[in-house]
Amino acid sequence: MPASDRPLPDLGTFMAADTPEGPPRLGKVTAWDGELVHLQRPGGGAAWTAAPDGLRRPTEDEHALIRVLTTPVPAAATPHRTCPEPPVVLAEQAVPPAEPTPGCPTCELVAAWEQSSLRRHDYSKAADFRVEMRNHPHTEPKLRMPEVRRPRELP
């Protein structure tokens, strides 16, 4: 029987299309128009199209793979716990604000921003400013750029 006289596969059946680069593509027939058969990968995924004469019935090994890909996996049964971990106990008083280093304009500005954030009840931003103030360097840097000397003037 010529390929053009081959009957179209039924909707919902799985078909295979051989590819030159590797394993065949497997798909479930979802629709067909006059020239192309529309297929979807087993288990879902992107749809693709193929000519009807390029399709064949899957082998037993391919059917086994299709069964694996389309069988739903049941969720693991976990015991229900009302409280999986001990409750977290928060301190009654908030962490005290960081103290700015006397005479450091950067620390004073960050302390003002922290207080402003606390007044607006933005505790996350206030904590960020507190960390910034505590990490602000007040010592001489360990690495310094070498001094650039002017070249001697030529006579």
C-alpha atoms as a PDB file:
ATOM      1  CA  MET A   1       0.000   0.000   0.000  1.00  0.00           C
ATOM      2  CA  PRO A   2       1.518   3.400  -0.935  1.00  0.00           C
ATOM      3  CA  ALA A   3       2.352   5.803   1.901  1.00  0.00           C
ATOM      4  CA  SER A   4      -0.249   8.306   0.749  1.00  0.00           C
ATOM      5  CA  ASP A   5      -2.987   5.658   1.053  1.00  0.00           C
ATOM      6  CA  ARG A   6      -1.987   4.843   4.642  1.00  0.00           C
ATOM      7  CA  PRO A   7      -4.939   5.535   6.998  1.00  0.00           C
ATOM      8  CA  LEU A   8      -4.618   8.351   9.511  1.00  0.00           C
ATOM      9  CA  PRO A   9      -4.005   7.223  13.113  1.00  0.00           C
ATOM     10  CA  ASP A  10      -6.883   7.480  15.556  1.00  0.00           C
ATOM     11  CA  LEU A  11      -7.022  10.371  17.999  1.00  0.00           C
ATOM     12  CA  GLY A  12      -5.417   9.499  21.333  1.00  0.00           C
ATOM     13  CA  THR A  13      -3.122   6.779  19.978  1.00  0.00           C
ATOM     14  CA  PHE A  14       0.627   6.973  20.414  1.00  0.00           C
ATOM     15  CA  MET A  15       2.847   7.053  17.360  1.00  0.00           C
ATOM     16  CA  ALA A  16       6.596   7.184  16.730  1.00  0.00           C
ATOM     17  CA  ALA A  17       8.544   9.209  14.178  1.00  0.00           C
ATOM     18  CA  ASP A  18      12.082   8.110  13.339  1.00  0.00           C
ATOM     19  CA  THR A  19      14.711  10.872  13.438  1.00  0.00           C
ATOM     20  CA  PRO A  20      18.142  10.819  11.809  1.00  0.00           C
ATOM     21  CA  GLU A  21      19.917  12.304  14.842  1.00  0.00           C
ATOM     22  CA  GLY A  22      18.882   9.883  17.558  1.00  0.00           C
ATOM     23  CA  PRO A  23      15.966   8.130  19.237  1.00  0.00           C
ATOM     24  CA  PRO A  24      12.517   8.369  17.656  1.00  0.00           C
ATOM     25  CA  ARG A  25      10.068  11.032  18.747  1.00  0.00           C
ATOM     26  CA  LEU A  26       7.060   9.654  20.540  1.00  0.00           C
ATOM     27  CA  GLY A  27       3.730  11.438  20.595  1.00  0.00           C
ATOM     28  CA  LYS A  28       0.020  11.114  21.220  1.00  0.00           C
ATOM     29  CA  VAL A  29      -2.185  12.079  18.272  1.00  0.00           C
ATOM     30  CA  THR A  30      -4.200  15.137  19.299  1.00  0.00           C
ATOM     31  CA  ALA A  31      -5.471  16.346  15.909  1.00  0.00           C
ATOM     32  CA  TRP A  32      -4.862  16.166  12.203  1.00  0.00           C
ATOM     33  CA  ASP A  33      -5.547  18.436   9.301  1.00  0.00           C
ATOM     34  CA  GLY A  34      -5.361  17.493   5.645  1.00  0.00           C
ATOM     35  CA  GLU A  35      -1.549  17.204   5.521  1.00  0.00           C
ATOM     36  CA  LEU A  36      -0.134  16.993   9.052  1.00  0.00           C
ATOM     37  CA  VAL A  37      -0.762  14.999  12.200  1.00  0.00           C
ATOM     38  CA  HIS A  38      -0.502  16.972  15.465  1.00  0.00           C
ATOM     39  CA  LEU A  39       1.131  15.075  18.329  1.00  0.00           C
ATOM     40  CA  GLN A  40       1.971  15.822  21.955  1.00  0.00           C
ATOM     41  CA  ARG A  41       4.844  14.306  23.920  1.00  0.00           C
ATOM     42  CA  PRO A  42       3.912  11.575  26.425  1.00  0.00           C
ATOM     43  CA  GLY A  43       3.189  13.065  29.822  1.00  0.00           C
ATOM     44  CA  GLY A  44       2.602  16.522  28.309  1.00  0.00           C
ATOM     45  CA  GLY A  45       4.869  19.084  26.795  1.00  0.00           C
ATOM     46  CA  ALA A  46       5.255  20.930  23.543  1.00  0.00           C
ATOM     47  CA  ALA A  47       3.124  19.810  20.613  1.00  0.00           C
ATOM     48  CA  TRP A  48       4.723  18.959  17.285  1.00  0.00           C
ATOM     49  CA  THR A  49       3.556  17.992  13.823  1.00  0.00           C
ATOM     50  CA  ALA A  50       4.570  15.265  11.403  1.00  0.00           C
ATOM     51  CA  ALA A  51       3.531  13.983   8.017  1.00  0.00           C
ATOM     52  CA  PRO A  52       1.321  10.871   8.328  1.00  0.00           C
ATOM     53  CA  ASP A  53       3.632   8.809   6.124  1.00  0.00           C
ATOM     54  CA  GLY A  54       6.559   9.502   8.530  1.00  0.00           C
ATOM     55  CA  LEU A  55       4.760   7.918  11.503  1.00  0.00           C
ATOM     56  CA  ARG A  56       4.753   4.308  12.645  1.00  0.00           C
ATOM     57  CA  ARG A  57       3.368   2.287  15.541  1.00  0.00           C
ATOM     58  CA  PRO A  58       5.698   2.225  18.621  1.00  0.00           C
ATOM     59  CA  THR A  59       7.677  -0.913  19.425  1.00  0.00           C
ATOM     60  CA  GLU A  60       7.264  -2.761  22.740  1.00  0.00           C
ATOM     61  CA  ASP A  61      10.247  -0.916  24.262  1.00  0.00           C
ATOM     62  CA  GLU A  62       8.783   2.417  23.152  1.00  0.00           C
ATOM     63  CA  HIS A  63       5.390   1.416  24.630  1.00  0.00           C
ATOM     64  CA  ALA A  64       7.142   0.667  27.934  1.00  0.00           C
ATOM     65  CA  LEU A  65       8.726   4.151  27.876  1.00  0.00           C
ATOM     66  CA  ILE A  66       5.345   5.723  27.090  1.00  0.00           C
ATOM     67  CA  ARG A  67       3.797   3.903  30.079  1.00  0.00           C
ATOM     68  CA  VAL A  68       6.548   5.232  32.354  1.00  0.00           C
ATOM     69  CA  LEU A  69       6.129   8.791  31.069  1.00  0.00           C
ATOM     70  CA  THR A  70       2.329   8.826  31.336  1.00  0.00           C
ATOM     71  CA  THR A  71       1.853   7.040  34.686  1.00  0.00           C
ATOM     72  CA  PRO A  72       1.247   9.553  37.474  1.00  0.00           C
ATOM     73  CA  VAL A  73       3.437   9.230  40.539  1.00  0.00           C
ATOM     74  CA  PRO A  74       1.482   9.319  43.808  1.00  0.00           C
ATOM     75  CA  ALA A  75       2.622  11.816  46.383  1.00  0.00           C
ATOM     76  CA  ALA A  76       4.542  10.365  49.289  1.00  0.00           C
ATOM     77  CA  ALA A  77       2.392  10.063  52.378  1.00  0.00           C
ATOM     78  CA  THR A  78       3.842  12.200  55.150  1.00  0.00           C
ATOM     79  CA  PRO A  79       2.437  12.215  58.656  1.00  0.00           C
ATOM     80  CA  HIS A  80       0.555  15.369  59.515  1.00  0.00           C
ATOM     81  CA  ARG A  81       2.245  17.378  62.220  1.00  0.00           C
ATOM     82  CA  THR A  82       0.661  20.354  63.875  1.00  0.00           C
ATOM     83  CA  CYS A  83       4.001  21.881  64.822  1.00  0.00           C
ATOM     84  CA  PRO A  84       6.998  20.447  62.926  1.00  0.00           C
ATOM     85  CA  GLU A  85       9.546  22.432  64.925  1.00  0.00           C
ATOM     86  CA  PRO A  86       9.527  24.021  68.323  1.00  0.00           C
ATOM     87  CA  PRO A  87       8.022  27.516  68.218  1.00  0.00           C
ATOM     88  CA  VAL A  88      10.321  30.498  67.865  1.00  0.00           C
ATOM     89  CA  VAL A  89      10.336  32.774  70.906  1.00  0.00           C
ATOM     90  CA  LEU A  90      11.081  36.390  70.096  1.00  0.00           C
ATOM     91  CA  ALA A  91      12.739  38.730  72.561  1.00  0.00           C
ATOM     92  CA  GLU A  92      10.499  41.285  74.203  1.00  0.00           C
ATOM     93  CA  GLN A  93      12.822  44.157  73.432  1.00  0.00           C
ATOM     94  CA  ALA A  94      14.204  44.928  70.005  1.00  0.00           C
ATOM     95  CA  VAL A  95      17.918  44.934  69.375  1.00  0.00           C
ATOM     96  CA  PRO A  96      19.312  48.298  70.479  1.00  0.00           C
ATOM     97  CA  PRO A  97      20.346  50.674  67.706  1.00  0.00           C
ATOM     98  CA  ALA A  98      23.994  50.773  66.730  1.00  0.00           C
ATOM     99  CA  GLU A  99      26.055  53.574  68.242  1.00  0.00           C
ATOM    100  CA  PRO A 100      27.699  55.875  65.692  1.00  0.00           C
ATOM    101  CA  THR A 101      31.426  56.453  66.061  1.00  0.00           C
ATOM    102  CA  PRO A 102      31.953  59.993  67.416  1.00  0.00           C
ATOM    103  CA  GLY A 103      33.148  62.385  64.720  1.00  0.00           C
ATOM    104  CA  CYS A 104      32.326  60.075  61.782  1.00  0.00           C
ATOM    105  CA  PRO A 105      29.890  61.863  59.438  1.00  0.00           C
ATOM    106  CA  THR A 106      28.996  58.610  57.627  1.00  0.00           C
ATOM    107  CA  CYS A 107      28.013  56.877  60.876  1.00  0.00           C
ATOM    108  CA  GLU A 108      25.956  59.887  61.983  1.00  0.00           C
ATOM    109  CA  LEU A 109      24.072  59.966  58.670  1.00  0.00           C
ATOM    110  CA  VAL A 110      23.388  56.213  58.736  1.00  0.00           C
ATOM    111  CA  ALA A 111      22.194  56.499  62.373  1.00  0.00           C
ATOM    112  CA  ALA A 112      19.747  59.220  61.313  1.00  0.00           C
ATOM    113  CA  TRP A 113      18.456  57.010  58.482  1.00  0.00           C
ATOM    114  CA  GLU A 114      18.062  54.128  60.919  1.00  0.00           C
ATOM    115  CA  GLN A 115      16.014  56.283  63.321  1.00  0.00           C
ATOM    116  CA  SER A 116      13.874  57.525  60.420  1.00  0.00           C
ATOM    117  CA  SER A 117      13.194  53.930  59.346  1.00  0.00           C
ATOM    118  CA  LEU A 118      12.254  52.945  62.899  1.00  0.00           C
ATOM    119  CA  ARG A 119       9.785  55.851  63.102  1.00  0.00           C
ATOM    120  CA  ARG A 120       8.173  54.601  59.856  1.00  0.00           C
ATOM    121  CA  HIS A 121       8.076  51.011  61.265  1.00  0.00           C
ATOM    122  CA  ASP A 122      10.364  49.797  58.445  1.00  0.00           C
ATOM    123  CA  TYR A 123      12.368  47.451  60.660  1.00  0.00           C
ATOM    124  CA  SER A 124      14.033  45.654  57.785  1.00  0.00           C
ATOM    125  CA  LYS A 125      15.563  48.841  56.431  1.00  0.00           C
ATOM    126  CA  ALA A 126      16.550  49.919  59.940  1.00  0.00           C
ATOM    127  CA  ALA A 127      18.386  46.612  60.403  1.00  0.00           C
ATOM    128  CA  ASP A 128      20.159  47.165  57.080  1.00  0.00           C
ATOM    129  CA  PHE A 129      21.369  50.571  58.271  1.00  0.00           C
ATOM    130  CA  ARG A 130      22.449  49.068  61.597  1.00  0.00           C
ATOM    131  CA  VAL A 131      24.535  46.461  59.769  1.00  0.00           C
ATOM    132  CA  GLU A 132      25.979  49.128  57.490  1.00  0.00           C
ATOM    133  CA  MET A 133      27.049  51.213  60.476  1.00  0.00           C
ATOM    134  CA  ARG A 134      28.663  48.239  62.228  1.00  0.00           C
ATOM    135  CA  ASN A 135      30.560  47.242  59.062  1.00  0.00           C
ATOM    136  CA  HIS A 136      31.690  50.777  58.256  1.00  0.00           C
ATOM    137  CA  PRO A 137      35.522  50.891  58.422  1.00  0.00           C
ATOM    138  CA  HIS A 138      37.051  53.323  60.909  1.00  0.00           C
ATOM    139  CA  THR A 139      40.651  52.206  60.576  1.00  0.00           C
ATOM    140  CA  GLU A 140      43.210  52.895  57.912  1.00  0.00           C
ATOM    141  CA  PRO A 141      42.773  50.672  54.870  1.00  0.00           C
ATOM    142  CA  LYS A 142      45.167  47.763  54.587  1.00  0.00           C
ATOM    143  CA  LEU A 143      45.948  48.437  50.948  1.00  0.00           C
ATOM    144  CA  ARG A 144      46.839  51.854  49.647  1.00  0.00           C
ATOM    145  CA  MET A 145      47.485  53.089  46.166  1.00  0.00           C
ATOM    146  CA  PRO A 146      51.130  54.020  45.644  1.00  0.00           C
ATOM    147  CA  GLU A 147      51.865  57.691  45.358  1.00  0.00           C
ATOM    148  CA  VAL A 148      52.196  58.912  41.821  1.00  0.00           C
ATOM    149  CA  ARG A 149      55.400  60.820  41.369  1.00  0.00           C
ATOM    150  CA  ARG A 150      55.759  63.422  38.745  1.00  0.00           C
ATOM    151  CA  PRO A 151      58.317  62.596  36.114  1.00  0.00           C
ATOM    152  CA  ARG A 152      61.428  64.666  36.194  1.00  0.00           C
ATOM    153  CA  GLU A 153      61.397  67.491  33.804  1.00  0.00           C
ATOM    154  CA  LEU A 154      63.733  67.061  30.909  1.00  0.00           C
ATOM    155  CA  PRO A 155      66.473  69.737  30.525  1.00  0.00           C
END
